[in-house]
Amino acid sequence: MAIKVMHIEDKRLLSKLEAEYELMSTLKHRHIIQCYGCLINEEGTEASIFMELMPNSLQTQYRNFGPLHERVI
């Protein structure tokens, strides 16, 4: 499991984050990371999203092989 932690400085972004999480949690596809839950602290200044861990992510690929070529993208 992976946890993405976001610091929220603008309270208007909190509702957008919640809407995005609601959408992501409904998507079911083998090429889309699964979302398991979302917690927002009492002050509404930090959100944690619990997601499927993807060990072979693009970040890992970039680190190992360098940037993707345009034809691949």
C-alpha atoms as a PDB file:
ATOM      1  CA  MET A   1       0.000   0.000   0.000  1.00  0.00           C
ATOM      2  CA  ALA A   2       1.134   3.527  -0.757  1.00  0.00           C
ATOM      3  CA  ILE A   3       0.065   6.676   1.075  1.00  0.00           C
ATOM      4  CA  LYS A   4      -0.025  10.023  -0.691  1.00  0.00           C
ATOM      5  CA  VAL A   5      -0.025  12.926   1.781  1.00  0.00           C
ATOM      6  CA  MET A   6      -1.065  16.379   0.588  1.00  0.00           C
ATOM      7  CA  HIS A   7      -0.854  19.617   2.528  1.00  0.00           C
ATOM      8  CA  ILE A   8      -3.838  21.832   1.826  1.00  0.00           C
ATOM      9  CA  GLU A   9      -3.238  25.559   2.095  1.00  0.00           C
ATOM     10  CA  ASP A  10      -6.405  26.716   0.316  1.00  0.00           C
ATOM     11  CA  LYS A  11      -9.654  25.324   1.772  1.00  0.00           C
ATOM     12  CA  ARG A  12     -11.344  25.551  -1.648  1.00  0.00           C
ATOM     13  CA  LEU A  13      -8.993  22.834  -2.871  1.00  0.00           C
ATOM     14  CA  LEU A  14     -10.287  20.465  -0.202  1.00  0.00           C
ATOM     15  CA  SER A  15     -13.648  20.014  -1.917  1.00  0.00           C
ATOM     16  CA  LYS A  16     -11.902  19.466  -5.262  1.00  0.00           C
ATOM     17  CA  LEU A  17      -9.656  16.852  -3.664  1.00  0.00           C
ATOM     18  CA  GLU A  18     -12.667  15.075  -2.174  1.00  0.00           C
ATOM     19  CA  ALA A  19     -14.442  15.067  -5.554  1.00  0.00           C
ATOM     20  CA  GLU A  20     -11.355  13.700  -7.300  1.00  0.00           C
ATOM     21  CA  TYR A  21     -10.996  10.956  -4.685  1.00  0.00           C
ATOM     22  CA  GLU A  22     -14.673   9.996  -5.067  1.00  0.00           C
ATOM     23  CA  LEU A  23     -14.181   9.640  -8.811  1.00  0.00           C
ATOM     24  CA  MET A  24     -10.908   7.696  -8.505  1.00  0.00           C
ATOM     25  CA  SER A  25     -12.401   5.288  -5.976  1.00  0.00           C
ATOM     26  CA  THR A  26     -15.127   4.273  -8.449  1.00  0.00           C
ATOM     27  CA  LEU A  27     -12.736   3.429 -11.309  1.00  0.00           C
ATOM     28  CA  LYS A  28     -11.889  -0.240 -11.725  1.00  0.00           C
ATOM     29  CA  HIS A  29      -9.325  -1.135 -14.387  1.00  0.00           C
ATOM     30  CA  ARG A  30      -6.033  -3.021 -14.359  1.00  0.00           C
ATOM     31  CA  HIS A  31      -4.163   0.072 -15.608  1.00  0.00           C
ATOM     32  CA  ILE A  32      -5.599   2.440 -12.981  1.00  0.00           C
ATOM     33  CA  ILE A  33      -4.210   2.504  -9.441  1.00  0.00           C
ATOM     34  CA  GLN A  34      -6.828   1.431  -6.911  1.00  0.00           C
ATOM     35  CA  CYS A  35      -7.774   3.907  -4.151  1.00  0.00           C
ATOM     36  CA  TYR A  36      -8.669   2.354  -0.788  1.00  0.00           C
ATOM     37  CA  GLY A  37      -9.467   5.327   1.405  1.00  0.00           C
ATOM     38  CA  CYS A  38      -8.950   8.972   2.241  1.00  0.00           C
ATOM     39  CA  LEU A  39      -8.431  10.671   5.593  1.00  0.00           C
ATOM     40  CA  ILE A  40      -8.510  14.403   6.207  1.00  0.00           C
ATOM     41  CA  ASN A  41      -7.239  15.815   9.500  1.00  0.00           C
ATOM     42  CA  GLU A  42      -9.619  17.745  11.759  1.00  0.00           C
ATOM     43  CA  GLU A  43      -8.230  21.124  10.714  1.00  0.00           C
ATOM     44  CA  GLY A  44      -8.679  20.268   7.036  1.00  0.00           C
ATOM     45  CA  THR A  45      -5.050  21.098   6.314  1.00  0.00           C
ATOM     46  CA  GLU A  46      -3.742  17.651   5.400  1.00  0.00           C
ATOM     47  CA  ALA A  47      -5.211  14.762   3.407  1.00  0.00           C
ATOM     48  CA  SER A  48      -3.892  11.215   3.118  1.00  0.00           C
ATOM     49  CA  ILE A  49      -4.989   8.962   0.275  1.00  0.00           C
ATOM     50  CA  PHE A  50      -4.377   5.229   0.603  1.00  0.00           C
ATOM     51  CA  MET A  51      -3.613   3.611  -2.749  1.00  0.00           C
ATOM     52  CA  GLU A  52      -2.382   0.448  -4.355  1.00  0.00           C
ATOM     53  CA  LEU A  53       1.406   0.280  -4.414  1.00  0.00           C
ATOM     54  CA  MET A  54       2.826   0.165  -7.935  1.00  0.00           C
ATOM     55  CA  PRO A  55       6.476  -0.920  -7.667  1.00  0.00           C
ATOM     56  CA  ASN A  56       7.012  -0.628 -11.439  1.00  0.00           C
ATOM     57  CA  SER A  57       5.719   2.918 -11.710  1.00  0.00           C
ATOM     58  CA  LEU A  58       6.929   5.477 -14.247  1.00  0.00           C
ATOM     59  CA  GLN A  59       9.149   6.986 -11.570  1.00  0.00           C
ATOM     60  CA  THR A  60      10.910   3.642 -11.133  1.00  0.00           C
ATOM     61  CA  GLN A  61      11.175   3.219 -14.899  1.00  0.00           C
ATOM     62  CA  TYR A  62      12.636   6.725 -15.270  1.00  0.00           C
ATOM     63  CA  ARG A  63      15.196   6.063 -12.551  1.00  0.00           C
ATOM     64  CA  ASN A  64      16.271   2.779 -14.159  1.00  0.00           C
ATOM     65  CA  PHE A  65      16.064   3.597 -17.882  1.00  0.00           C
ATOM     66  CA  GLY A  66      15.885   7.380 -18.270  1.00  0.00           C
ATOM     67  CA  PRO A  67      13.130   9.428 -19.923  1.00  0.00           C
ATOM     68  CA  LEU A  68      10.596   7.805 -22.232  1.00  0.00           C
ATOM     69  CA  HIS A  69      11.051   8.376 -25.939  1.00  0.00           C
ATOM     70  CA  GLU A  70       8.363  10.394 -27.700  1.00  0.00           C
ATOM     71  CA  ARG A  71       7.248   7.405 -29.790  1.00  0.00           C
ATOM     72  CA  VAL A  72       6.589   5.451 -26.566  1.00  0.00           C
ATOM     73  CA  ILE A  73       4.473   8.221 -25.081  1.00  0.00           C
END
